[in-house]
Amino acid sequence: MKSRGGAWAIQTLLVCSVFNAALGVLLYLMSEKILEAANQWVVPFISPGAPNMPEELRSAMNNFGAFLAQLREYLKPALALLMASATLPLWFVLFLLGLRQVRRAGAVQPKTETAQEAAPPAGE
């Protein structure tokens, strides 16, 4: 029974890791596209040939551009931490539920011989 539990632990950990890695890559790509679109919207207002704007608006646009740059810088580590912290609870729950099913299936194995076939013949 222990070998089935160990194999199940490794299998579920690998499945959860692959699933969360794929989800993390998807979230990263979507976030990159969103931040790139926001950056393209801000660049015309903070570039050297920007239209004449009040100083407060220019300062706000510069700060927003810096904020977008910081978001892009911290996106990878933040998503990696998020996905790693989501993998362990998901794996633990899946492992326990699956191990319970494996034990239940092991307890209800079909019998290959009946009690009459297992008993020795009366003449011997």
Foldseek 3Di string as FASTA:
>chain_A
DVVVLVVLLVVLLVVLLVVLVVVLVVVLVVVVVVLVVVLVVLCLCQDPPHDDDDPVVNVVSVVVNVVSVVCNVCVVVVSVVVSVVVSVVVSVVVSVVVVVVVVVPVVPDDDPDDPVVPDDDPVD
